[in-house]
């Protein structure tokens, strides 16, 4: 028997009706074993299930029943999903909401890392008022929410005086979005600023007030090990987790990831450490890679790869020749060692990445193709769900389990091939058991910002 057509409006309306009634059964849903807490999986790693939702929570997940043996449940409406894939809502652990959507007013950006730094710095100085930052961040959050992201960590440019502007703006947005997107923030500043005790004290207070994460860009510096030790000590003193940018370059001499792992081991750091990018690792000799990853595994450091931004920036050439490498890090080698690995959105419509809309399905699709996260797909879906949720300390996020809040997405596709072959713009995002009825914000909303014009 063929699956019923994916009539998105009708299916969404049925789920909404069931949510209003307080109970419904979503039948013939295809769940992935990697993100589903249940023991009954088929050989392909999927579970064709009937999911009962009651008062916004997943009451039961049972093997799907055929129509011939289906029992009646007078207290719930029955909705046939036709074997379509359902996934938990996304967790995006590395973004830059404060930079997002400034591209139209940074015409000097040229697609290079140095050009992005200069263009962003100039725009920050000229335009990043509290109102500007708040409006752009909220615009980005509405997009992410529409696509099915339920938790996010953003880095906050924290060089003076920007930290005093952006951190209060973030805290207001965190409160405004409470219950829709679990927001975290991590400080972002060049590691050499850690030499300044007054600055460290000031930024630490912002992070503590926001319940955030302490982070820096681990650029190469003559005293990098001493600087990292200072950052680790400050984080330990305040019970903060750590989040670094490192090795966003093709230079094989860049070894920030190894040095961060060694600093964690030296300090016996008890918190969570996440390192983003780590591009240079892919350019190093095998012996150096093995030595670094051994230290990373021993330290319990997690790594997040940012395929959209790394593809955009790395190996970009100004002489009209084609790039020759992909810019991503060695996730397969890390995962084999038990190192937690994630994918995340990173930058959107700014000088570090001219495109993107904080759609984690788009990130996962690109990551699958660039990093070969398929044949088999295995449990790589954890890289945008359960693993970043664990990194961010969010219990119950990124998985599909009985007893937890019914936050999930229902796709038209019935397999990974189908889900990842289309943009799935008609996916149904369910929060607290009910489908959201949002639309994407229009870019024209940003036209009124200082210096902003349509690109």
Protein backbone atom coordinates (compact mmCIF):
# COMPACT_ATOMS: atom_id res chain seq x y z
CA UNK A 1 0.00 0.00 0.00
CA UNK A 2 1.32 3.43 -0.92
CA UNK A 3 1.81 5.99 1.82
CA UNK A 4 -0.80 8.74 1.96
CA UNK A 5 0.18 11.96 0.22
CA UNK A 6 1.96 14.51 2.38
CA UNK A 7 -0.84 17.06 2.66
CA UNK A 8 1.05 19.38 4.98
CA UNK A 9 -1.78 21.81 5.85
CA UNK A 10 -4.25 18.99 6.53
CA UNK A 11 -1.76 16.97 8.59
CA UNK A 12 -0.72 20.02 10.57
CA UNK A 13 -4.38 20.86 11.22
CA UNK A 14 -5.05 17.34 12.47
CA UNK A 15 -2.12 17.54 14.90
CA UNK A 16 -3.32 20.95 16.05
CA UNK A 17 -6.80 19.56 16.65
CA UNK A 18 -5.39 16.67 18.64
CA UNK A 19 -3.32 19.08 20.72
CA UNK A 20 -6.42 21.15 21.50
CA UNK A 21 -8.27 18.02 22.57
CA UNK A 22 -5.33 17.13 24.82
CA UNK A 23 -4.51 13.74 23.29
CA UNK A 24 -3.71 12.25 19.89
CA UNK A 25 -1.95 9.26 18.37
CA UNK A 26 0.48 9.91 15.53
CA UNK A 27 0.54 6.56 13.74
CA UNK A 28 3.17 5.07 11.45
CA UNK A 29 5.97 7.46 12.36
CA UNK A 30 9.50 6.45 11.43
CA UNK A 31 11.90 7.11 14.32
CA UNK A 32 15.68 6.88 14.20
CA UNK A 33 17.22 4.63 16.85
CA UNK A 34 20.13 7.03 17.39
CA UNK A 35 17.88 9.65 18.96
CA UNK A 36 15.02 7.52 20.30
CA UNK A 37 14.99 5.95 23.74
CA UNK A 38 13.21 2.69 23.05
CA UNK A 39 14.44 -0.84 22.57
CA UNK A 40 12.33 -2.02 19.64
CA UNK A 41 14.25 -1.11 16.49
CA UNK A 42 14.35 -2.83 13.14
CA UNK A 43 17.55 -3.89 11.39
CA UNK A 44 17.85 -0.59 9.52
CA UNK A 45 17.98 1.34 12.78
CA UNK A 46 14.46 2.69 12.41
CA UNK A 47 11.35 2.03 14.43
CA UNK A 48 7.94 2.32 12.80
CA UNK A 49 5.94 3.57 15.73
CA UNK A 50 2.67 4.89 17.01
CA UNK A 51 3.34 7.89 19.22
CA UNK A 52 0.75 8.96 21.77
CA UNK A 53 0.91 12.60 22.83
CA UNK A 54 -1.02 13.80 25.84
CA UNK A 55 -1.11 17.33 27.19
CA UNK A 56 2.07 18.30 25.38
CA UNK A 57 4.16 15.27 26.38
CA UNK A 58 5.04 11.96 24.77
CA UNK A 59 2.95 9.46 26.68
CA UNK A 60 3.89 6.30 24.79
CA UNK A 61 5.92 5.05 21.85
CA UNK A 62 4.83 1.63 20.65
CA UNK A 63 5.26 -0.55 17.59
CA UNK A 64 2.97 0.60 14.79
CA UNK A 65 -0.21 -1.42 14.42
CA UNK A 66 -1.73 -2.32 11.07
CA UNK A 67 -5.22 -1.09 10.32
CA UNK A 68 -6.55 -4.62 10.62
CA UNK A 69 -5.53 -4.97 14.25
CA UNK A 70 -5.73 -1.33 15.29
CA UNK A 71 -7.62 -0.93 18.53
CA UNK A 72 -9.91 1.99 19.20
CA UNK A 73 -9.02 4.78 21.58
CA UNK A 74 -12.06 6.94 22.14
CA UNK A 75 -9.97 9.48 24.04
CA UNK A 76 -7.59 10.29 21.18
CA UNK A 77 -7.78 11.11 17.51
CA UNK A 78 -5.70 8.96 15.18
CA UNK A 79 -3.42 10.60 12.60
CA UNK A 80 -1.63 8.56 9.95
CA UNK A 81 1.91 9.88 9.28
CA UNK A 82 2.46 7.41 6.43
CA UNK A 83 5.86 6.14 7.60
CA UNK A 84 7.42 9.57 7.53
CA UNK A 85 10.52 10.43 9.54
CA UNK A 86 10.17 12.26 12.84
CA UNK A 87 13.19 13.72 14.62
CA UNK A 88 13.66 15.60 17.87
CA UNK A 89 14.09 19.35 17.54
CA UNK A 90 17.58 20.57 16.69
CA UNK A 91 20.28 21.80 19.06
CA UNK A 92 22.66 24.37 17.52
CA UNK A 93 25.74 24.76 19.73
CA UNK A 94 27.84 27.29 17.79
CA UNK A 95 26.34 30.43 16.25
CA UNK A 96 27.07 34.16 16.05
CA UNK A 97 23.71 35.87 16.42
CA UNK A 98 25.32 39.25 17.10
CA UNK A 99 27.06 39.23 13.69
CA UNK A 100 24.10 37.91 11.71
CA UNK A 101 22.64 39.78 8.73
CA UNK A 102 25.20 42.60 8.57
CA UNK A 103 26.36 41.59 5.08
CA UNK A 104 24.43 44.34 3.21
CA UNK A 105 26.45 47.01 5.03
CA UNK A 106 29.88 45.36 4.71
CA UNK A 107 30.67 45.77 1.00
CA UNK A 108 34.41 45.48 1.67
CA UNK A 109 34.04 41.82 2.68
CA UNK A 110 35.78 39.63 0.11
CA UNK A 111 35.21 36.08 1.33
CA UNK A 112 38.57 35.77 3.08
CA UNK A 113 39.13 35.33 6.81
CA UNK A 114 41.20 38.50 7.14
CA UNK A 115 38.67 40.43 5.10
CA UNK A 116 35.86 39.16 7.32
CA UNK A 117 37.69 40.22 10.46
CA UNK A 118 38.28 43.74 9.14
CA UNK A 119 34.77 44.22 7.74
CA UNK A 120 33.07 42.95 10.88
CA UNK A 121 35.28 45.07 13.14
CA UNK A 122 34.42 48.20 11.16
CA UNK A 123 30.70 47.46 11.25
CA UNK A 124 30.78 46.67 14.96
CA UNK A 125 32.39 50.01 15.77
CA UNK A 126 30.01 51.94 13.52
CA UNK A 127 26.67 50.25 14.05
CA UNK A 128 26.35 47.74 16.89
CA UNK A 129 24.03 49.62 19.22
CA UNK A 130 21.77 47.74 21.62
CA UNK A 131 18.84 48.24 19.25
CA UNK A 132 20.76 47.05 16.21
CA UNK A 133 22.08 43.92 17.92
CA UNK A 134 18.69 43.08 19.43
CA UNK A 135 16.77 43.40 16.18
CA UNK A 136 19.20 41.30 14.18
CA UNK A 137 19.44 38.60 16.85
CA UNK A 138 15.67 38.37 17.22
CA UNK A 139 15.26 38.14 13.44
CA UNK A 140 17.70 35.21 13.38
CA UNK A 141 15.98 33.47 16.30
CA UNK A 142 12.61 33.65 14.57
CA UNK A 143 14.15 31.90 11.57
CA UNK A 144 15.78 29.20 13.71
CA UNK A 145 12.55 28.59 15.63
CA UNK A 146 10.59 28.24 12.40
CA UNK A 147 13.00 25.56 11.16
CA UNK A 148 12.83 23.52 14.36
CA UNK A 149 15.73 24.59 16.58
CA UNK A 150 14.90 24.38 20.27
CA UNK A 151 18.28 25.22 21.84
CA UNK A 152 21.16 27.39 20.75
CA UNK A 153 24.49 28.76 21.94
CA UNK A 154 25.69 32.02 20.48
CA UNK A 155 29.09 33.63 20.80
CA UNK A 156 29.08 37.28 21.86
CA UNK A 157 31.82 39.63 20.66
CA UNK A 158 33.05 40.92 24.00
CA UNK A 159 35.83 43.40 23.30
CA UNK A 160 35.23 46.70 25.14
CA UNK A 161 32.95 48.54 24.81
CA UNK A 162 30.84 45.99 22.89
CA UNK A 163 30.53 43.57 25.80
CA UNK A 164 28.62 46.15 27.84
CA UNK A 165 26.18 46.57 24.93
CA UNK A 166 25.65 43.05 23.64
CA UNK A 167 25.48 41.05 26.87
CA UNK A 168 22.51 43.00 28.31
CA UNK A 169 20.80 42.71 24.91
CA UNK A 170 21.36 38.96 24.95
CA UNK A 171 19.92 38.63 28.46
CA UNK A 172 16.73 40.42 27.39
CA UNK A 173 16.38 38.12 24.39
CA UNK A 174 17.05 35.05 26.52
CA UNK A 175 14.12 36.00 28.72
CA UNK A 176 11.91 36.89 25.74
CA UNK A 177 12.57 33.51 24.08
CA UNK A 178 12.26 31.42 27.22
CA UNK A 179 10.11 28.37 26.54
CA UNK A 180 10.74 28.48 22.80
CA UNK A 181 14.53 28.39 22.37
CA UNK A 182 16.87 27.56 25.25
CA UNK A 183 19.54 30.22 24.76
CA UNK A 184 23.12 30.15 25.97
CA UNK A 185 25.91 32.63 25.28
CA UNK A 186 29.68 32.33 25.24
CA UNK A 187 32.14 35.20 25.43
CA UNK A 188 34.34 35.76 22.40
CA UNK A 189 37.58 37.74 22.51
CA UNK A 190 41.15 37.28 21.25
CA UNK A 191 43.09 35.12 23.69
CA UNK A 192 45.78 37.79 24.14
CA UNK A 193 43.22 39.93 25.97
CA UNK A 194 43.44 37.39 28.79
CA UNK A 195 46.63 39.16 29.88
CA UNK A 196 44.43 41.97 31.20
CA UNK A 197 43.10 41.15 34.68
CA UNK A 198 40.55 43.97 34.64
CA UNK A 199 39.12 42.79 31.33
CA UNK A 200 38.95 39.18 32.51
CA UNK A 201 37.09 40.21 35.64
CA UNK A 202 34.66 42.34 33.66
CA UNK A 203 33.80 39.76 31.02
CA UNK A 204 33.58 36.99 33.59
CA UNK A 205 30.89 38.97 35.40
CA UNK A 206 28.87 39.29 32.20
CA UNK A 207 29.13 35.55 31.61
CA UNK A 208 28.18 34.69 35.20
CA UNK A 209 25.19 37.06 35.13
CA UNK A 210 23.91 35.44 31.93
CA UNK A 211 24.52 31.86 33.09
CA UNK A 212 26.81 31.58 30.09
CA UNK A 213 30.02 29.94 28.95
CA UNK A 214 33.52 31.38 29.04
CA UNK A 215 35.24 31.45 25.67
CA UNK A 216 37.98 33.00 23.56
CA UNK A 217 39.67 32.75 20.17
CA UNK A 218 42.85 30.73 20.71
CA UNK A 219 45.04 32.50 18.18
CA UNK A 220 48.72 31.54 18.12
CA UNK A 221 50.64 33.70 20.60
CA UNK A 222 54.12 33.40 22.14
CA UNK A 223 52.57 32.84 25.57
CA UNK A 224 49.51 30.86 24.41
CA UNK A 225 49.92 28.16 27.08
CA UNK A 226 50.06 30.73 29.89
CA UNK A 227 47.05 32.55 28.45
CA UNK A 228 45.06 29.33 28.26
CA UNK A 229 45.98 28.54 31.86
CA UNK A 230 44.60 31.93 32.91
CA UNK A 231 41.35 31.28 31.07
CA UNK A 232 41.00 27.80 32.57
CA UNK A 233 41.67 29.14 36.08
CA UNK A 234 39.11 31.90 35.70
CA UNK A 235 36.49 29.44 34.44
CA UNK A 236 37.22 27.02 37.30
CA UNK A 237 36.95 29.79 39.89
CA UNK A 238 33.41 30.59 38.75
CA UNK A 239 32.22 27.11 37.79
CA UNK A 240 31.97 28.01 34.11
CA UNK A 241 32.25 25.75 31.07
CA UNK A 242 34.60 26.70 28.23
CA UNK A 243 34.09 27.22 24.49
CA UNK A 244 37.01 28.09 22.19
CA UNK A 245 37.56 28.97 18.56
CA UNK A 246 40.80 27.39 17.33
CA UNK A 247 42.80 26.59 14.22
CA UNK A 248 40.47 28.19 11.68
CA UNK A 249 43.22 28.04 9.07
CA UNK A 250 44.94 25.73 6.60
CA UNK A 251 48.29 26.26 8.32
CA UNK A 252 49.43 22.86 9.65
CA UNK A 253 51.49 24.64 12.32
CA UNK A 254 48.28 25.84 14.03
CA UNK A 255 47.91 23.62 17.09
CA UNK A 256 45.38 25.38 19.30
CA UNK A 257 43.25 22.26 19.74
CA UNK A 258 46.18 20.29 21.14
CA UNK A 259 47.19 23.13 23.45
CA UNK A 260 43.63 23.52 24.74
CA UNK A 261 43.46 19.78 25.52
CA UNK A 262 46.81 19.96 27.29
CA UNK A 263 45.68 22.98 29.31
CA UNK A 264 42.57 21.07 30.35
CA UNK A 265 44.69 18.12 31.46
CA UNK A 266 47.17 20.37 33.32
CA UNK A 267 44.37 22.02 35.27
CA UNK A 268 42.30 18.85 35.83
CA UNK A 269 39.41 20.98 34.60
CA UNK A 270 36.08 19.56 35.74
CA UNK A 271 33.83 21.49 33.35
CA UNK A 272 32.83 20.94 29.75
CA UNK A 273 35.23 22.15 27.04
CA UNK A 274 34.08 22.66 23.44
CA UNK A 275 36.41 23.68 20.60
CA UNK A 276 35.11 24.91 17.26
CA UNK A 277 36.58 24.74 13.74
CA UNK A 278 39.93 22.88 14.17
CA UNK A 279 40.43 23.07 10.40
CA UNK A 280 44.24 22.84 10.41
CA UNK A 281 44.08 19.32 11.82
CA UNK A 282 43.17 18.02 8.36
CA UNK A 283 46.41 19.48 6.98
CA UNK A 284 48.77 17.88 9.51
CA UNK A 285 50.90 14.75 9.36
CA UNK A 286 49.25 11.58 10.64
CA UNK A 287 51.57 11.30 13.65
CA UNK A 288 50.71 14.85 14.72
CA UNK A 289 46.99 14.17 14.27
CA UNK A 290 47.20 11.02 16.39
CA UNK A 291 49.08 12.82 19.16
CA UNK A 292 46.56 15.66 19.22
CA UNK A 293 43.50 13.43 19.20
CA UNK A 294 44.93 11.24 21.94
CA UNK A 295 45.19 14.34 24.15
CA UNK A 296 41.72 15.57 23.15
CA UNK A 297 40.19 12.21 24.02
CA UNK A 298 42.07 12.02 27.33
CA UNK A 299 40.88 15.51 28.28
CA UNK A 300 37.25 14.82 27.34
CA UNK A 301 37.20 17.84 25.03
CA UNK A 302 34.34 18.04 22.51
CA UNK A 303 34.65 19.42 18.97
CA UNK A 304 32.14 21.15 16.72
CA UNK A 305 32.65 21.43 12.97
CA UNK A 306 31.10 24.33 11.05
CA UNK A 307 30.90 23.11 7.44
CA UNK A 308 29.02 26.09 5.99
CA UNK A 309 31.47 28.72 7.21
CA UNK A 310 34.59 26.59 6.77
CA UNK A 311 33.73 25.77 3.16
CA UNK A 312 33.06 29.45 2.50
CA UNK A 313 36.29 30.83 3.99
CA UNK A 314 38.97 28.16 3.86
CA UNK A 315 41.29 27.96 0.85
CA UNK A 316 39.56 30.89 -0.81
CA UNK A 317 41.86 32.31 -3.44
CA UNK A 318 42.05 35.85 -4.72
CA UNK A 319 43.81 34.88 -7.96
CA UNK A 320 40.81 33.29 -9.63
CA UNK A 321 41.82 29.67 -8.97
CA UNK A 322 39.69 26.91 -7.48
CA UNK A 323 39.97 25.87 -3.81
CA UNK A 324 41.49 22.45 -3.30
CA UNK A 325 40.31 21.37 0.14
CA UNK A 326 37.06 21.35 2.05
CA UNK A 327 38.07 23.18 5.21
CA UNK A 328 36.37 20.78 7.62
CA UNK A 329 38.02 18.88 10.46
CA UNK A 330 38.52 15.15 11.06
CA UNK A 331 35.20 14.18 12.61
CA UNK A 332 35.39 10.48 11.70
CA UNK A 333 38.76 10.08 13.37
CA UNK A 334 37.54 11.93 16.44
CA UNK A 335 34.33 9.94 16.74
CA UNK A 336 36.24 6.65 16.56
CA UNK A 337 38.20 7.78 19.63
CA UNK A 338 35.02 8.57 21.55
CA UNK A 339 35.44 12.33 21.23
CA UNK A 340 32.02 14.04 21.24
CA UNK A 341 31.50 15.70 17.85
CA UNK A 342 28.82 18.09 16.68
CA UNK A 343 27.83 20.18 13.67
CA UNK A 344 26.48 23.71 13.98
CA UNK A 345 25.32 26.67 11.88
CA UNK A 346 28.01 29.24 12.74
CA UNK A 347 27.62 32.54 10.83
CA UNK A 348 24.67 33.72 8.74
CA UNK A 349 24.70 36.52 6.17
CA UNK A 350 27.78 38.25 7.50
CA UNK A 351 31.38 38.62 6.24
CA UNK A 352 32.35 35.19 7.63
CA UNK A 353 29.59 33.46 5.65
CA UNK A 354 27.43 35.35 3.18
CA UNK A 355 24.54 32.87 3.26
CA UNK A 356 22.51 30.67 5.58
CA UNK A 357 19.36 31.05 7.65
CA UNK A 358 20.03 29.03 10.84
CA UNK A 359 18.34 25.96 9.39
CA UNK A 360 20.04 23.00 11.03
CA UNK A 361 18.64 20.59 8.46
CA UNK A 362 20.55 22.56 5.84
CA UNK A 363 23.67 22.31 8.01
CA UNK A 364 23.23 18.56 8.43
CA UNK A 365 22.58 18.02 4.72
CA UNK A 366 25.76 19.90 3.83
CA UNK A 367 27.74 18.13 6.56
CA UNK A 368 26.58 14.75 5.27
CA UNK A 369 27.78 15.52 1.76
CA UNK A 370 31.05 17.24 2.64
CA UNK A 371 32.12 15.00 5.53
CA UNK A 372 30.63 11.77 4.10
CA UNK A 373 28.35 11.13 7.06
CA UNK A 374 26.59 8.35 5.18
CA UNK A 375 26.98 4.81 3.78
CA UNK A 376 26.08 4.14 6.50
CA UNK A 377 24.37 7.17 8.02
CA UNK A 378 24.80 5.40 11.35
CA UNK A 379 24.16 7.66 14.33
CA UNK A 380 25.51 10.89 12.82
CA UNK A 381 22.16 12.61 13.40
CA UNK A 382 23.30 12.87 17.02
CA UNK A 383 25.74 15.56 15.88
CA UNK A 384 22.85 18.05 15.61
CA UNK A 385 20.67 16.69 18.42
CA UNK A 386 21.78 14.59 21.39
CA UNK A 387 25.51 15.40 21.34
CA UNK A 388 25.21 19.20 21.34
CA UNK A 389 22.45 18.89 23.94
CA UNK A 390 24.87 16.99 26.20
CA UNK A 391 27.64 19.53 25.50
CA UNK A 392 25.27 22.33 26.52
CA UNK A 393 24.05 20.45 29.58
CA UNK A 394 20.45 20.29 28.38
CA UNK A 395 18.74 17.21 29.76
CA UNK A 396 15.85 16.02 27.60
CA UNK A 397 16.81 18.01 24.51
CA UNK A 398 17.84 16.35 21.26
CA UNK A 399 16.12 13.02 21.86
CA UNK A 400 12.73 11.38 21.49
CA UNK A 401 11.55 9.64 24.65
CA UNK A 402 8.46 8.75 26.60
CA UNK A 403 7.71 11.21 29.38
CA UNK A 404 9.45 14.20 27.87
CA UNK A 405 7.97 17.27 26.20
CA UNK A 406 6.62 16.53 22.72
CA UNK A 407 9.06 18.69 20.75
CA UNK A 408 9.76 17.13 17.36
CA UNK A 409 9.69 17.60 13.60
CA UNK A 410 7.75 15.56 11.07
CA UNK A 411 9.23 15.44 7.58
CA UNK A 412 7.82 14.46 4.20
CA UNK A 413 10.71 12.06 3.67
CA UNK A 414 10.49 8.43 4.78
CA UNK A 415 14.23 7.73 4.75
CA UNK A 416 17.49 9.66 5.04
CA UNK A 417 17.78 9.76 1.27
CA UNK A 418 14.38 11.41 0.98
CA UNK A 419 14.83 13.79 3.92
CA UNK A 420 18.27 14.98 2.79
CA UNK A 421 17.43 15.29 -0.90
CA UNK A 422 14.99 18.17 -0.52
CA UNK A 423 14.95 21.32 1.58
CA UNK A 424 11.89 19.96 3.45
CA UNK A 425 10.43 23.45 3.67
CA UNK A 426 7.06 21.87 4.51
CA UNK A 427 8.35 20.06 7.60
CA UNK A 428 5.93 20.25 10.52
CA UNK A 429 7.55 21.56 13.69
CA UNK A 430 5.77 20.45 16.86
CA UNK A 431 6.41 22.16 20.18
CA UNK A 432 4.71 21.09 23.40
CA UNK A 433 2.62 18.72 21.31
CA UNK A 434 1.20 21.38 18.99
CA UNK A 435 2.45 22.44 15.54
CA UNK A 436 3.87 25.94 15.34
CA UNK A 437 2.16 28.25 12.88
CA UNK A 438 5.01 30.66 12.17
CA UNK A 439 6.30 32.10 8.94
CA UNK A 440 9.84 33.20 8.16
CA UNK A 441 10.62 36.87 8.87
CA UNK A 442 10.98 39.05 5.79
CA UNK A 443 14.41 40.52 5.08
CA UNK A 444 12.70 43.87 4.55
CA UNK A 445 12.28 44.07 8.32
CA UNK A 446 16.01 44.81 8.57
CA UNK A 447 16.00 47.63 6.03
CA UNK A 448 15.46 50.28 8.69
CA UNK A 449 18.67 49.48 10.55
CA UNK A 450 21.47 52.04 10.38
CA UNK A 451 23.43 51.64 7.17
CA UNK A 452 21.34 48.69 6.01
CA UNK A 453 20.21 48.37 2.43
CA UNK A 454 18.99 45.48 0.32
CA UNK A 455 21.78 43.41 -1.25
